[in-house]
Amino acid sequence: MNIVLLVVDSLRAASLRGTSTQGPRTPFLERLGRETVAFRRAYASECWTLPTHMSMFTGLLPSEHGAHFQTMAYRHRAPTIAELLAAASYHTEVITRNSLFDGTVSGATRGFGVNTQVLADLGRAASPFAFVLALAKPRVRRLIESSGFFSLLQRKNQAFLYTLARMGIPADRPALQHALEVMARHRKRGAPYFLFLNLYDVHAPYSPSPASPLRPWRTPQGWLENLTLPALLPKVSSHAYLKPDFRMSERGRRVLLGRYHRAIELMDGKLESFYTAARGAGLLDDTLLVVTADHGEAFGEHELYFHDASVYDTHLHVPLWIHHPAVAPAPVDDVVATRDLFHLFRAAGTDGRLSGTLLDPAARAARPVALAEHFHYPHTTGLLERYAQNIAAAVVGARKLVLRREGPLQYDLGRDPDERCPEPSTVSAFEATCRRDGAPAAAIAAAAEHLRRWERPAAAA
């Protein structure tokens, strides 16, 4: 069976609840929820791109695979899903403009035989953006040099500013078109394929226009927002919001959230075009299609922005839709982890059996648990103390426990979905609460083992 993994970078579930009149309009994603197995409580393993993708590629937690802020590489001996599928004669290809998958981060694309970078042109259409980028150039250069979101090779490369500018211009439509062409070509050859696309148009700078990260200049509001961007974006695209002197105006927050929601609306249309074309050509008849996100995004929730320093649901709770030709569409309310996609992909690429995978209702019901971790970036000075620590979390049913240096905090996500009212707790108390809720023993045991491992001083340093 062919496998296509579409990861919409930074797409949080909180903006897709469908009940808010202020959220984005996503008619296609609502339709996808009716035509696939739609997971309403899927959780990422970390709050940013590299560790969550490596969890999906290996089935391991960040503490196990080791690819996070404190290493910026994947060097574990465990094979990635791309390596396993390549060994099974699959065509394996990564298609994206995300710099984390450009080959400079050691091990991040291990097993992919083809690496297709789809970057927009900095031509005449993008010249207004080049002007705005010029205004921000010193700030952006400092961001590249100080941020943990870029590799060492990128930070030392003076030309990377140009690449970063091209990354900020929407290019997911041609990336999806390229995927359709690869799918059609390999189907004609009768050769199986595994395509991974990291779709970047919802990621900061949250492009609100089809071909530009800028608003149209036709209105005063467009001019004001465009000229504000050089100050706004570097503030959230680095670790500045984790420092004592960080300030974000309410207007600035609304501008960023408005851009984000507009970017989601535009992505909705791009995904619809891809899905309609793929289905119309029969390309989904023998293909496992997964649409998900690597993590969410914050816009002032818990005093955070962007994606860092968090195991809150605004970053961990992500959408997940799975199309399998032999599985009927259905909504799923069980807690699941996106790192378990590894086991589903491995099964699809070998014997095709779904037992024990995300598409097995019995397996989901027996173990409704999601585990998460965050390893802080150690090379930025001046962070508030509460952000200079590693943290861990476990979700079982409606209960969540977070381990921090200050002590364990328990949340009732049923009554407190925004995690505003934590209660001091212990791992034992969390276990007891989950048992009273009637949670399966296997889920409670997995959460307790994870949390107790993180209680050891060496793990939580």
Protein backbone atom coordinates (compact mmCIF):
# COMPACT_ATOMS: atom_id res chain seq x y z
CA MET A 1 0.00 0.00 0.00
CA ASN A 2 1.20 3.50 -0.81
CA ILE A 3 1.58 5.99 2.04
CA VAL A 4 1.25 9.78 1.92
CA LEU A 5 1.89 11.82 5.07
CA LEU A 6 0.81 15.46 4.95
CA VAL A 7 1.98 17.40 8.00
CA VAL A 8 0.56 20.92 8.22
CA ASP A 9 3.26 22.60 10.26
CA SER A 10 1.93 24.51 13.33
CA LEU A 11 -1.77 23.69 12.82
CA ARG A 12 -3.33 23.52 16.29
CA ALA A 13 -6.56 21.69 17.03
CA ALA A 14 -7.82 24.62 19.12
CA SER A 15 -8.39 26.72 16.01
CA LEU A 16 -10.48 23.97 14.38
CA ARG A 17 -13.10 23.47 17.06
CA GLY A 18 -15.78 24.75 14.68
CA THR A 19 -17.77 26.44 17.43
CA SER A 20 -16.09 29.84 17.42
CA THR A 21 -17.40 32.47 15.02
CA GLN A 22 -13.97 34.13 15.21
CA GLY A 23 -12.01 31.10 14.03
CA PRO A 24 -11.04 30.21 10.47
CA ARG A 25 -13.57 28.85 7.99
CA THR A 26 -12.43 25.36 6.95
CA PRO A 27 -15.19 23.66 4.94
CA PHE A 28 -12.82 21.10 3.43
CA LEU A 29 -11.33 20.03 6.76
CA GLU A 30 -14.87 19.64 8.10
CA ARG A 31 -15.65 17.45 5.08
CA LEU A 32 -12.43 15.50 5.66
CA GLY A 33 -13.65 14.84 9.17
CA ARG A 34 -16.71 13.13 7.70
CA GLU A 35 -14.86 11.15 5.01
CA THR A 36 -11.96 9.75 7.06
CA VAL A 37 -11.20 8.33 10.47
CA ALA A 38 -11.11 11.64 12.33
CA PHE A 39 -9.20 11.69 15.62
CA ARG A 40 -10.47 14.44 17.92
CA ARG A 41 -7.91 13.89 20.68
CA ALA A 42 -4.55 13.34 19.01
CA TYR A 43 -1.39 14.51 20.79
CA ALA A 44 2.10 15.32 19.60
CA SER A 45 5.13 14.20 21.62
CA GLU A 46 6.77 17.66 21.81
CA CYS A 47 5.93 21.28 21.04
CA TRP A 48 8.08 21.84 17.95
CA THR A 49 9.01 20.33 14.62
CA LEU A 50 12.18 18.24 14.86
CA PRO A 51 11.32 16.04 17.88
CA THR A 52 7.69 15.51 16.86
CA HIS A 53 8.60 14.43 13.35
CA MET A 54 11.29 12.07 14.60
CA SER A 55 8.70 10.58 16.96
CA MET A 56 6.39 9.97 13.99
CA PHE A 57 9.31 8.53 12.01
CA THR A 58 10.52 6.19 14.79
CA GLY A 59 7.65 5.65 17.26
CA LEU A 60 9.95 6.86 20.05
CA LEU A 61 9.63 9.69 22.54
CA PRO A 62 12.10 12.60 22.28
CA SER A 63 13.98 11.30 25.35
CA GLU A 64 14.42 8.00 23.49
CA HIS A 65 15.28 9.16 19.98
CA GLY A 66 17.31 12.15 21.24
CA ALA A 67 16.46 14.68 18.50
CA HIS A 68 15.52 17.90 20.30
CA PHE A 69 16.82 21.35 21.24
CA GLN A 70 19.77 19.98 23.17
CA THR A 71 21.13 17.89 20.29
CA MET A 72 19.60 19.18 17.02
CA ALA A 73 20.25 15.81 15.37
CA TYR A 74 18.94 12.26 15.08
CA ARG A 75 21.72 9.78 15.78
CA HIS A 76 19.77 6.86 17.30
CA ARG A 77 20.32 3.41 15.82
CA ALA A 78 16.57 2.73 15.59
CA PRO A 79 15.53 2.72 11.93
CA THR A 80 13.22 5.42 10.67
CA ILE A 81 10.03 4.50 8.82
CA ALA A 82 11.62 5.84 5.64
CA GLU A 83 14.55 3.44 6.07
CA LEU A 84 12.24 0.49 6.67
CA LEU A 85 10.07 1.30 3.66
CA ALA A 86 13.07 1.98 1.42
CA ALA A 87 14.37 -1.48 2.36
CA ALA A 88 10.97 -2.83 1.24
CA SER A 89 11.50 -1.27 -2.22
CA TYR A 90 9.35 1.82 -1.62
CA HIS A 91 10.14 5.11 -3.31
CA THR A 92 10.72 7.43 -0.35
CA GLU A 93 10.61 11.19 -0.81
CA VAL A 94 10.42 14.27 1.38
CA ILE A 95 8.78 17.34 -0.20
CA THR A 96 8.99 20.65 1.67
CA ARG A 97 10.68 24.01 2.02
CA ASN A 98 11.15 23.66 5.80
CA SER A 99 14.85 24.13 6.51
CA LEU A 100 14.84 21.34 9.11
CA PHE A 101 14.51 18.87 6.25
CA ASP A 102 17.01 20.40 3.84
CA GLY A 103 19.74 17.91 4.77
CA THR A 104 21.65 20.12 7.22
CA VAL A 105 20.13 18.53 10.35
CA SER A 106 21.91 15.24 10.85
CA GLY A 107 19.59 12.24 10.56
CA ALA A 108 16.36 14.20 10.08
CA THR A 109 15.79 12.81 6.57
CA ARG A 110 17.43 9.43 7.04
CA GLY A 111 15.92 6.89 4.69
CA PHE A 112 14.44 9.31 2.19
CA GLY A 113 15.86 8.57 -1.23
CA VAL A 114 14.74 11.87 -2.74
CA ASN A 115 14.70 15.30 -1.08
CA THR A 116 12.62 17.81 -3.02
CA GLN A 117 12.87 21.40 -1.83
CA VAL A 118 10.03 23.55 -3.14
CA LEU A 119 10.89 27.23 -2.71
CA ALA A 120 9.10 30.27 -4.10
CA ASP A 121 10.90 32.74 -6.33
CA LEU A 122 11.99 36.10 -4.95
CA GLY A 123 10.95 37.72 -8.18
CA ARG A 124 8.93 40.79 -9.03
CA ALA A 125 5.80 39.51 -7.25
CA ALA A 126 7.76 39.16 -4.01
CA SER A 127 9.59 42.50 -4.26
CA PRO A 128 7.39 44.22 -1.63
CA PHE A 129 8.28 41.40 0.75
CA ALA A 130 11.97 41.90 -0.08
CA PHE A 131 11.55 45.53 0.97
CA VAL A 132 9.98 44.54 4.29
CA LEU A 133 12.67 41.89 4.80
CA ALA A 134 15.34 44.54 4.26
CA LEU A 135 13.84 46.53 7.12
CA ALA A 136 14.04 43.47 9.35
CA LYS A 137 17.42 42.15 8.17
CA PRO A 138 19.46 42.85 11.35
CA ARG A 139 16.72 41.35 13.53
CA VAL A 140 16.38 38.30 11.28
CA ARG A 141 20.16 37.75 11.22
CA ARG A 142 20.20 37.83 15.04
CA LEU A 143 17.29 35.39 15.07
CA ILE A 144 19.16 32.92 12.84
CA GLU A 145 22.29 33.15 14.96
CA SER A 146 20.58 32.79 18.35
CA SER A 147 17.59 30.56 17.70
CA GLY A 148 17.56 26.82 18.29
CA PHE A 149 15.24 26.38 15.32
CA PHE A 150 18.14 26.47 12.84
CA SER A 151 21.07 24.12 12.40
CA LEU A 152 24.70 25.07 12.94
CA LEU A 153 25.37 24.98 9.20
CA GLN A 154 22.50 27.38 8.56
CA ARG A 155 23.60 29.78 11.29
CA LYS A 156 27.09 29.97 9.77
CA ASN A 157 25.79 30.44 6.22
CA GLN A 158 25.53 34.12 5.28
CA ALA A 159 23.38 33.23 2.27
CA PHE A 160 20.80 31.48 4.44
CA LEU A 161 18.96 34.79 4.93
CA TYR A 162 17.96 34.59 1.27
CA THR A 163 16.73 31.02 1.72
CA LEU A 164 14.81 32.04 4.84
CA ALA A 165 13.13 34.80 2.85
CA ARG A 166 12.03 32.28 0.22
CA MET A 167 10.76 29.98 2.98
CA GLY A 168 8.40 32.76 4.04
CA ILE A 169 6.67 32.93 0.65
CA PRO A 170 3.78 30.46 0.16
CA ALA A 171 4.78 27.40 -1.87
CA ASP A 172 2.61 24.55 -0.59
CA ARG A 173 0.38 24.51 -3.67
CA PRO A 174 3.29 23.57 -5.99
CA ALA A 175 4.54 21.11 -3.34
CA LEU A 176 1.17 19.35 -3.36
CA GLN A 177 1.09 19.42 -7.15
CA HIS A 178 4.52 17.80 -7.22
CA ALA A 179 3.23 15.09 -4.88
CA LEU A 180 0.31 14.38 -7.23
CA GLU A 181 2.72 13.99 -10.14
CA VAL A 182 4.94 11.60 -8.17
CA MET A 183 1.91 9.58 -7.07
CA ALA A 184 0.62 9.26 -10.64
CA ARG A 185 4.06 8.38 -12.05
CA HIS A 186 4.74 5.63 -9.53
CA ARG A 187 1.26 4.23 -9.75
CA LYS A 188 1.70 3.88 -13.50
CA ARG A 189 4.93 2.00 -12.84
CA GLY A 190 3.28 -0.19 -10.21
CA ALA A 191 5.90 0.87 -7.65
CA PRO A 192 4.91 1.63 -4.03
CA TYR A 193 5.81 4.99 -2.53
CA PHE A 194 6.06 6.82 0.78
CA LEU A 195 5.74 10.58 0.41
CA PHE A 196 6.20 12.94 3.34
CA LEU A 197 5.21 16.58 2.92
CA ASN A 198 5.85 19.21 5.55
CA LEU A 199 3.42 21.95 4.50
CA TYR A 200 4.71 25.30 5.69
CA ASP A 201 2.17 27.98 4.75
CA VAL A 202 0.44 27.94 8.18
CA HIS A 203 3.79 28.31 9.97
CA ALA A 204 5.05 31.82 10.84
CA PRO A 205 4.97 34.29 9.12
CA TYR A 206 1.36 32.99 8.75
CA SER A 207 0.98 34.12 5.14
CA PRO A 208 -2.45 35.77 4.72
CA SER A 209 -2.24 35.98 0.91
CA PRO A 210 -2.03 33.18 -1.70
CA ALA A 211 1.39 34.21 -3.03
CA SER A 212 2.86 36.52 -0.41
CA PRO A 213 3.45 36.76 3.33
CA LEU A 214 2.12 40.33 3.12
CA ARG A 215 -1.39 41.72 3.15
CA PRO A 216 -2.49 43.58 0.01
CA TRP A 217 -1.18 47.15 0.09
CA ARG A 218 -4.51 48.53 -1.15
CA THR A 219 -5.81 49.50 2.30
CA PRO A 220 -4.38 51.50 5.22
CA GLN A 221 -4.78 48.39 7.38
CA GLY A 222 -2.66 46.41 4.92
CA TRP A 223 0.09 49.04 4.95
CA LEU A 224 0.07 49.20 8.74
CA GLU A 225 0.26 45.44 9.21
CA ASN A 226 2.98 44.97 6.59
CA LEU A 227 5.18 47.68 8.11
CA THR A 228 4.60 46.23 11.60
CA LEU A 229 5.83 42.77 10.63
CA PRO A 230 9.59 43.50 10.91
CA ALA A 231 9.05 44.18 14.61
CA LEU A 232 6.41 41.53 15.31
CA LEU A 233 7.76 38.39 13.66
CA PRO A 234 11.31 38.32 15.13
CA LYS A 235 9.76 38.73 18.58
CA VAL A 236 7.80 35.50 18.27
CA SER A 237 10.09 33.54 15.94
CA SER A 238 12.84 33.41 18.57
CA HIS A 239 12.91 32.87 22.31
CA ALA A 240 12.20 36.54 23.14
CA TYR A 241 8.80 35.74 24.66
CA LEU A 242 10.53 33.63 27.31
CA LYS A 243 12.44 36.60 28.73
CA PRO A 244 11.44 39.07 31.47
CA ASP A 245 11.28 42.15 29.26
CA PHE A 246 9.00 40.67 26.57
CA ARG A 247 5.93 42.74 25.69
CA MET A 248 3.25 42.09 23.10
CA SER A 249 0.39 44.54 22.61
CA GLU A 250 -3.16 43.25 22.27
CA ARG A 251 -3.22 44.68 18.78
CA GLY A 252 -0.04 42.81 17.88
CA ARG A 253 -1.51 39.58 19.23
CA ARG A 254 -4.69 40.06 17.19
CA VAL A 255 -2.65 40.77 14.05
CA LEU A 256 -0.71 37.52 14.44
CA LEU A 257 -3.79 35.43 15.24
CA GLY A 258 -5.70 36.96 12.33
CA ARG A 259 -2.85 36.11 9.95
CA TYR A 260 -2.72 32.57 11.33
CA HIS A 261 -6.43 31.98 10.84
CA ARG A 262 -6.31 33.37 7.31
CA ALA A 263 -3.36 31.09 6.53
CA ILE A 264 -5.43 28.12 7.75
CA GLU A 265 -8.29 29.13 5.45
CA LEU A 266 -5.93 29.26 2.49
CA MET A 267 -4.46 25.88 3.44
CA ASP A 268 -7.99 24.46 3.56
CA GLY A 269 -8.38 25.30 -0.13
CA LYS A 270 -4.98 23.85 -1.07
CA LEU A 271 -5.73 20.57 0.68
CA GLU A 272 -9.14 20.40 -0.98
CA SER A 273 -7.57 20.79 -4.43
CA PHE A 274 -5.03 18.04 -3.67
CA TYR A 275 -7.63 15.67 -2.22
CA THR A 276 -10.12 16.20 -5.04
CA ALA A 277 -7.47 15.65 -7.70
CA ALA A 278 -6.04 12.56 -5.98
CA ARG A 279 -9.44 10.98 -5.46
CA GLY A 280 -10.61 11.85 -8.97
CA ALA A 281 -7.55 10.15 -10.46
CA GLY A 282 -8.05 7.06 -8.30
CA LEU A 283 -4.78 7.70 -6.47
CA LEU A 284 -6.38 7.15 -3.06
CA ASP A 285 -7.78 3.73 -3.96
CA ASP A 286 -4.60 1.99 -2.81
CA THR A 287 -3.11 4.71 -0.62
CA LEU A 288 -3.01 5.37 3.10
CA LEU A 289 -3.37 9.15 3.42
CA VAL A 290 -2.64 10.86 6.73
CA VAL A 291 -3.25 14.57 7.32
CA THR A 292 -2.02 15.90 10.65
CA ALA A 293 0.14 18.55 12.32
CA ASP A 294 3.47 18.31 14.08
CA HIS A 295 2.44 20.70 16.87
CA GLY A 296 0.18 23.66 17.61
CA GLU A 297 0.84 27.36 18.11
CA ALA A 298 0.34 29.87 20.93
CA PHE A 299 -0.93 33.44 20.67
CA GLY A 300 -0.65 34.61 24.25
CA GLU A 301 -2.13 31.51 25.89
CA HIS A 302 -0.18 30.86 29.10
CA GLU A 303 1.91 33.94 28.17
CA LEU A 304 3.47 31.99 25.28
CA TYR A 305 3.80 32.57 21.55
CA PHE A 306 5.05 30.52 18.61
CA HIS A 307 5.98 26.96 19.73
CA ASP A 308 8.42 26.48 22.56
CA ALA A 309 8.65 25.79 26.32
CA SER A 310 5.30 24.03 26.52
CA VAL A 311 3.41 20.82 27.09
CA TYR A 312 0.09 22.68 27.08
CA ASP A 313 -2.65 21.42 24.79
CA THR A 314 -2.39 24.54 22.64
CA HIS A 315 0.87 22.98 21.43
CA LEU A 316 0.29 19.24 21.88
CA HIS A 317 -3.34 18.79 20.76
CA VAL A 318 -3.29 18.46 16.98
CA PRO A 319 -5.73 17.41 14.27
CA LEU A 320 -5.42 13.95 12.73
CA TRP A 321 -7.34 12.51 9.80
CA ILE A 322 -6.59 9.07 8.32
CA HIS A 323 -7.94 7.72 5.04
CA HIS A 324 -7.53 3.98 4.57
CA PRO A 325 -9.23 2.35 1.57
CA ALA A 326 -10.50 -0.54 3.70
CA VAL A 327 -11.60 1.40 6.79
CA ALA A 328 -14.94 3.18 7.05
CA PRO A 329 -14.99 6.85 8.10
CA ALA A 330 -15.68 7.47 11.78
CA PRO A 331 -15.05 10.02 14.51
CA VAL A 332 -12.68 8.86 17.25
CA ASP A 333 -12.64 10.36 20.74
CA ASP A 334 -9.96 8.10 22.24
CA VAL A 335 -6.70 9.75 23.29
CA VAL A 336 -4.01 8.81 20.77
CA ALA A 337 -0.41 9.83 20.06
CA THR A 338 0.88 10.88 16.64
CA ARG A 339 4.10 8.95 17.28
CA ASP A 340 2.00 5.80 16.85
CA LEU A 341 1.74 6.65 13.16
CA PHE A 342 5.09 4.87 12.87
CA HIS A 343 3.46 1.52 13.71
CA LEU A 344 0.59 2.16 11.29
CA PHE A 345 3.01 3.00 8.46
CA ARG A 346 5.14 -0.05 9.22
CA ALA A 347 2.07 -2.29 9.15
CA ALA A 348 0.86 -0.75 5.88
CA GLY A 349 4.25 -1.33 4.32
CA THR A 350 4.58 -4.97 5.42
CA ASP A 351 1.64 -7.31 6.08
CA GLY A 352 -1.13 -4.68 6.00
CA ARG A 353 -2.65 -5.83 9.28
CA LEU A 354 -4.32 -3.08 11.28
CA SER A 355 -4.48 -4.87 14.63
CA GLY A 356 -2.62 -2.97 17.31
CA THR A 357 -2.45 0.23 15.23
CA LEU A 358 -4.29 3.54 15.42
CA LEU A 359 -6.97 2.08 13.15
CA ASP A 360 -7.73 -0.76 15.58
CA PRO A 361 -10.62 0.34 17.86
CA ALA A 362 -9.83 -2.35 20.44
CA ALA A 363 -6.20 -1.28 20.71
CA ARG A 364 -7.20 2.37 21.10
CA ALA A 365 -9.76 1.59 23.77
CA ALA A 366 -7.29 -0.51 25.74
CA ARG A 367 -4.62 2.18 25.89
CA PRO A 368 -5.99 5.75 25.60
CA VAL A 369 -2.80 7.53 26.61
CA ALA A 370 -0.48 10.17 25.20
CA LEU A 371 2.97 10.99 26.54
CA ALA A 372 4.88 14.19 25.90
CA GLU A 373 8.14 15.91 26.80
CA HIS A 374 9.91 19.19 26.22
CA PHE A 375 13.67 19.73 26.27
CA HIS A 376 14.48 23.41 26.66
CA TYR A 377 17.00 25.25 24.49
CA PRO A 378 20.09 25.67 26.71
CA HIS A 379 22.00 28.25 24.66
CA THR A 380 19.82 31.33 25.19
CA THR A 381 20.69 33.56 28.12
CA GLY A 382 18.29 35.60 30.19
CA LEU A 383 15.35 33.20 30.14
CA LEU A 384 12.84 33.35 32.95
CA GLU A 385 13.62 30.56 35.39
CA ARG A 386 10.35 28.75 34.75
CA TYR A 387 11.33 28.22 31.10
CA ALA A 388 14.87 26.98 31.70
CA GLN A 389 13.84 23.42 32.47
CA ASN A 390 12.81 20.16 30.86
CA ILE A 391 9.19 19.14 31.43
CA ALA A 392 7.01 16.10 30.83
CA ALA A 393 3.32 15.31 30.62
CA ALA A 394 0.89 12.41 30.34
CA VAL A 395 -2.74 12.42 29.24
CA VAL A 396 -5.10 9.60 30.20
CA GLY A 397 -8.72 10.15 29.25
CA ALA A 398 -9.71 13.57 30.56
CA ARG A 399 -6.80 13.75 33.02
CA LYS A 400 -3.40 15.29 32.50
CA LEU A 401 -0.36 15.48 34.75
CA VAL A 402 2.56 17.81 34.08
CA LEU A 403 5.91 17.39 35.81
CA ARG A 404 7.81 20.61 36.41
CA ARG A 405 10.62 21.63 38.72
CA GLU A 406 8.06 23.46 40.85
CA GLY A 407 6.09 20.24 41.39
CA PRO A 408 3.50 18.08 39.59
CA LEU A 409 0.31 19.77 38.37
CA GLN A 410 -2.87 17.92 37.50
CA TYR A 411 -5.54 19.14 35.05
CA ASP A 412 -9.11 18.04 34.45
CA LEU A 413 -9.33 18.62 30.70
CA GLY A 414 -13.05 17.89 30.67
CA ARG A 415 -13.88 20.81 32.94
CA ASP A 416 -10.80 22.91 32.17
CA PRO A 417 -9.89 22.43 28.48
CA ASP A 418 -7.77 25.61 28.43
CA GLU A 419 -5.68 24.40 31.39
CA ARG A 420 -6.26 27.46 33.52
CA CYS A 421 -6.90 25.71 36.85
CA PRO A 422 -4.10 23.25 37.72
CA GLU A 423 -4.05 21.51 41.08
CA PRO A 424 -0.89 20.40 42.91
CA SER A 425 -0.65 16.63 42.72
CA THR A 426 1.60 13.58 42.68
CA VAL A 427 2.03 10.68 40.29
CA SER A 428 0.29 8.40 42.76
CA ALA A 429 -2.64 10.78 43.08
CA PHE A 430 -2.87 11.00 39.29
CA GLU A 431 -2.97 7.20 39.06
CA ALA A 432 -5.72 7.07 41.67
CA THR A 433 -7.79 9.69 39.86
CA CYS A 434 -7.46 7.81 36.57
CA ARG A 435 -8.55 4.57 38.24
CA ARG A 436 -11.61 6.30 39.70
CA ASP A 437 -12.44 7.53 36.22
CA GLY A 438 -12.37 3.93 35.00
CA ALA A 439 -9.36 4.39 32.72
CA PRO A 440 -7.83 1.16 31.39
CA ALA A 441 -5.00 -0.27 33.46
CA ALA A 442 -2.60 -0.33 30.51
CA ALA A 443 -3.02 3.42 29.94
CA ILE A 444 -2.50 4.22 33.62
CA ALA A 445 0.59 2.00 33.78
CA ALA A 446 2.15 3.60 30.67
CA ALA A 447 1.56 7.10 32.03
CA ALA A 448 2.93 6.23 35.49
CA GLU A 449 6.06 4.61 34.08
CA HIS A 450 6.75 7.66 31.93
CA LEU A 451 6.13 10.14 34.74
CA ARG A 452 8.17 8.27 37.34
CA ARG A 453 11.10 8.10 34.96
CA TRP A 454 10.92 11.88 34.67
CA GLU A 455 10.73 12.31 38.44
CA ARG A 456 14.37 11.22 38.65
CA PRO A 457 16.66 14.27 38.94
CA ALA A 458 18.79 13.29 35.92
CA ALA A 459 15.75 13.28 33.61
CA ALA A 460 14.28 16.56 34.76
CA ALA A 461 17.50 18.62 34.75
